[in-house]
N, C-alpha and C. Protein backbone atom coordinates (compact mmCIF):
# COMPACT_ATOMS: atom_id res chain seq x y z
N UNK A 1 102.62 95.15 108.73
CA UNK A 1 101.70 94.87 108.51
C UNK A 1 100.82 95.36 109.19
N UNK A 2 100.83 94.44 110.63
CA UNK A 2 99.86 95.50 110.80
C UNK A 2 100.25 97.11 110.96
N UNK A 3 101.13 97.46 111.88
CA UNK A 3 100.75 98.60 111.60
C UNK A 3 100.64 99.72 110.20
N UNK A 4 100.60 98.75 108.89
CA UNK A 4 99.57 99.57 108.09
C UNK A 4 98.50 99.70 107.81
N UNK A 5 98.14 98.42 108.82
CA UNK A 5 95.89 98.86 109.22
C UNK A 5 95.92 99.08 109.63
N UNK A 6 97.13 99.35 110.72
CA UNK A 6 96.13 100.36 112.32
C UNK A 6 96.56 101.23 111.89
N UNK A 7 96.85 101.85 110.86
CA UNK A 7 97.21 103.74 110.13
C UNK A 7 95.80 103.85 109.23
N UNK A 8 95.60 103.27 108.00
CA UNK A 8 94.49 102.75 107.25
C UNK A 8 93.34 103.07 108.52
N UNK A 9 92.98 102.21 109.06
CA UNK A 9 91.92 102.22 110.98
C UNK A 9 92.19 103.76 110.98
N UNK A 10 93.57 104.62 111.61
CA UNK A 10 93.13 105.52 112.21
C UNK A 10 93.17 106.30 111.38
N UNK A 11 93.24 107.04 110.22
CA UNK A 11 93.62 107.69 109.34
C UNK A 11 92.42 108.10 107.67
N UNK A 12 91.42 106.59 107.98
CA UNK A 12 90.10 106.54 107.32
C UNK A 12 89.07 106.57 108.27
N UNK A 13 89.39 106.19 109.38
CA UNK A 13 87.87 105.78 109.89
C UNK A 13 87.88 106.73 111.44
N UNK A 14 88.99 105.59 112.70
CA UNK A 14 88.96 106.78 113.52
C UNK A 14 88.87 108.69 113.80
N UNK A 15 89.76 108.82 112.72
CA UNK A 15 90.45 110.59 113.39
C UNK A 15 88.72 110.95 112.46
N UNK A 16 88.24 110.70 111.47
CA UNK A 16 87.34 110.83 110.49
C UNK A 16 85.59 111.44 111.70
N UNK A 17 85.35 110.67 112.40
CA UNK A 17 83.72 110.10 112.81
C UNK A 17 84.52 110.78 114.67
N UNK A 18 83.33 111.17 114.89
CA UNK A 18 82.63 111.59 116.35
C UNK A 18 82.43 110.21 116.88
N UNK A 19 82.58 109.37 117.19
CA UNK A 19 81.10 108.85 117.89
C UNK A 19 81.30 108.52 118.81
N UNK A 20 79.99 108.43 119.73
CA UNK A 20 79.41 109.45 120.54
C UNK A 20 79.23 108.75 121.88
N UNK A 21 79.86 107.33 122.04
CA UNK A 21 79.85 106.17 122.47
C UNK A 21 80.55 104.90 122.00
N UNK A 22 80.99 103.63 123.07
CA UNK A 22 81.51 102.74 122.70
C UNK A 22 81.77 101.99 121.94
N UNK A 23 80.34 101.49 121.92
CA UNK A 23 79.16 101.62 121.17
C UNK A 23 79.47 101.45 120.05
N UNK A 24 79.40 103.16 119.89
CA UNK A 24 78.65 102.96 118.44
C UNK A 24 80.08 103.41 117.40
N UNK A 25 81.76 103.44 118.41
CA UNK A 25 82.55 102.69 118.28
C UNK A 25 82.59 100.75 117.30
N UNK A 26 82.81 101.05 119.32
CA UNK A 26 82.68 98.87 118.15
C UNK A 26 81.60 98.82 116.39
N UNK A 27 80.46 98.84 115.74
CA UNK A 27 79.54 99.20 114.99
C UNK A 27 80.37 99.87 114.30
N UNK A 28 81.16 100.74 114.19
CA UNK A 28 81.24 101.55 112.82
C UNK A 28 82.83 100.74 112.57
N UNK A 29 83.57 100.05 114.04
CA UNK A 29 84.77 99.26 113.29
C UNK A 29 84.52 98.44 112.80
N UNK A 30 83.56 98.35 113.71
CA UNK A 30 83.29 96.69 112.07
C UNK A 30 82.76 96.51 111.76
N UNK A 31 82.33 97.27 110.63
CA UNK A 31 81.85 97.45 109.42
C UNK A 31 82.90 98.45 108.34
N UNK A 32 83.97 99.47 109.21
CA UNK A 32 85.03 99.40 108.55
C UNK A 32 86.07 98.02 108.17
N UNK A 33 86.38 97.20 108.66
CA UNK A 33 87.12 96.43 108.62
C UNK A 33 86.20 95.75 108.04
N UNK A 34 85.30 95.08 107.71
CA UNK A 34 84.34 94.36 106.96
C UNK A 34 84.81 94.96 105.37
N UNK A 35 84.45 96.26 105.48
CA UNK A 35 84.72 96.61 103.95
C UNK A 35 86.31 96.05 103.37
N UNK A 36 87.11 96.83 104.97
CA UNK A 36 88.62 96.81 104.20
C UNK A 36 89.12 94.74 103.92
N UNK A 37 88.15 94.13 104.80
CA UNK A 37 88.84 92.24 104.07
C UNK A 37 88.04 92.23 103.15
N UNK A 38 86.16 92.35 102.64
CA UNK A 38 85.46 91.85 101.49
C UNK A 38 85.45 93.25 100.48
N UNK A 39 85.49 94.02 101.13
CA UNK A 39 85.59 95.40 99.05
C UNK A 39 86.57 95.75 98.76
N UNK A 40 87.44 96.58 100.18
CA UNK A 40 88.35 97.34 99.28
C UNK A 40 89.57 96.57 98.47
N UNK A 41 90.12 96.87 97.48
CA UNK A 41 91.42 95.77 96.79
C UNK A 41 92.69 95.97 97.20
N UNK A 42 92.97 95.30 97.37
CA UNK A 42 95.48 95.83 98.99
C UNK A 42 95.83 95.95 97.47
N UNK A 43 96.68 96.33 96.65
CA UNK A 43 97.99 96.64 96.32
C UNK A 43 98.96 95.50 96.57
N UNK A 44 99.02 95.34 97.69
CA UNK A 44 100.32 94.65 98.21
C UNK A 44 99.25 92.98 97.95
N UNK A 45 98.23 92.80 97.62
CA UNK A 45 97.74 91.59 97.17
C UNK A 45 96.92 91.51 96.08
N UNK A 46 98.16 92.24 94.91
CA UNK A 46 97.56 92.23 93.46
C UNK A 46 96.12 92.51 93.32
N UNK A 47 95.50 93.67 93.43
CA UNK A 47 94.51 94.14 94.06
C UNK A 47 93.12 93.81 94.41
N UNK A 48 93.57 92.28 94.69
CA UNK A 48 92.35 90.90 95.24
C UNK A 48 92.23 92.35 96.82
N UNK A 49 91.03 91.60 97.56
CA UNK A 49 90.82 91.22 98.36
C UNK A 49 91.45 90.89 98.70
N UNK A 50 91.02 91.38 100.33
CA UNK A 50 92.11 90.37 101.23
C UNK A 50 91.13 88.78 101.19
N UNK A 51 89.99 89.01 102.41
CA UNK A 51 88.85 87.84 102.06
C UNK A 51 89.65 86.56 100.92
N UNK A 52 88.88 87.89 99.74
CA UNK A 52 89.35 86.32 98.00
C UNK A 52 90.94 85.59 98.48
N UNK A 53 91.69 86.71 99.00
CA UNK A 53 93.39 86.05 98.86
C UNK A 53 93.75 84.63 100.72
N UNK A 54 92.64 85.16 101.31
CA UNK A 54 92.90 84.42 102.01
C UNK A 54 91.74 83.18 101.94
N UNK A 55 90.95 82.94 100.74
CA UNK A 55 90.12 81.97 101.77
C UNK A 55 91.05 81.58 100.31
N UNK A 56 92.45 81.38 99.97
CA UNK A 56 92.51 80.53 98.95
C UNK A 56 92.98 79.70 100.16
N UNK A 57 93.91 80.13 100.61
CA UNK A 57 94.44 79.29 101.55
C UNK A 57 94.12 78.08 102.19
N UNK A 58 95.09 76.62 101.81
CA UNK A 58 94.67 75.89 102.36
C UNK A 58 94.53 75.78 104.22
N UNK A 59 93.55 75.08 104.76
CA UNK A 59 93.50 75.48 106.64
C UNK A 59 94.95 74.39 106.30
N UNK A 60 95.02 75.09 108.31
CA UNK A 60 95.75 74.50 108.86
C UNK A 60 96.33 73.06 109.48
N UNK A 61 96.11 72.36 109.20
CA UNK A 61 96.46 70.58 109.23
C UNK A 61 96.49 70.52 110.78
N UNK A 62 97.65 71.00 111.28
CA UNK A 62 97.31 70.82 112.56
C UNK A 62 96.62 71.77 113.55
N UNK A 63 95.72 72.83 112.88
CA UNK A 63 95.29 72.91 113.59
C UNK A 63 93.93 73.87 112.83
N UNK A 64 93.00 73.15 112.52
CA UNK A 64 92.34 74.04 111.49
C UNK A 64 91.63 74.95 112.33
N UNK A 65 91.39 75.45 113.78
CA UNK A 65 90.29 75.89 114.32
C UNK A 65 91.11 77.88 113.54
N UNK A 66 92.34 77.71 113.46
CA UNK A 66 92.71 79.56 112.87
C UNK A 66 92.29 79.30 111.68
N UNK A 67 91.85 78.81 110.25
CA UNK A 67 91.44 79.32 109.24
C UNK A 67 90.54 79.68 109.86
N UNK A 68 90.23 80.83 108.67
CA UNK A 68 88.47 81.82 108.63
C UNK A 68 87.50 80.79 107.41
N UNK A 69 86.80 79.93 107.58
CA UNK A 69 86.26 79.29 106.55
C UNK A 69 84.36 79.83 106.32
N UNK A 70 84.52 80.20 107.75
CA UNK A 70 82.62 81.39 106.99
C UNK A 70 82.61 82.16 106.88
N UNK A 71 81.97 83.33 106.61
CA UNK A 71 82.38 85.03 107.00
C UNK A 71 81.65 85.42 108.45
N UNK A 72 81.99 86.68 109.10
CA UNK A 72 81.18 86.28 110.23
C UNK A 72 80.36 87.05 110.06
N UNK A 73 79.24 88.01 110.40
CA UNK A 73 78.49 87.86 110.78
C UNK A 73 77.63 88.99 111.32
N UNK A 74 77.90 90.05 111.64
CA UNK A 74 77.61 91.64 112.69
C UNK A 74 76.32 91.34 112.63
N UNK A 75 75.33 91.81 113.93
CA UNK A 75 73.84 92.46 113.83
C UNK A 75 74.31 93.00 115.95
N UNK A 76 73.61 93.66 116.35
CA UNK A 76 73.37 94.48 117.00
C UNK A 76 73.69 93.74 118.33
N UNK A 77 73.74 92.55 118.95
CA UNK A 77 73.77 91.85 119.67
C UNK A 77 75.70 91.05 119.86
N UNK A 78 76.11 91.84 118.65
CA UNK A 78 77.82 91.03 118.52
C UNK A 78 77.87 91.94 118.66
N UNK A 79 79.36 91.34 120.33
CA UNK A 79 80.74 92.41 120.51
C UNK A 79 81.79 91.99 119.93
N UNK A 80 82.82 92.85 119.93
CA UNK A 80 83.63 92.42 119.63
C UNK A 80 84.67 93.11 120.88
N UNK A 81 85.74 92.03 121.70
CA UNK A 81 86.72 92.71 121.99
C UNK A 81 87.68 92.33 121.50
């Protein structure tokens, strides 16, 4: 599944844009991945968006910090690592 995501990121975002610097790449990749998870339907999830599919999963009782329940908001001060 990770290989499929990486293929999509490379061919639908990275190879199509000439980023001016690392900051430009970070912002554009963050936008792409947000759209990928919150807007784009996925055939492997029955046409649902991944955020819908994974929001229905019950939190992990032994490690609740591993379950995302709130959407991540990006601004110019947000840095992805």
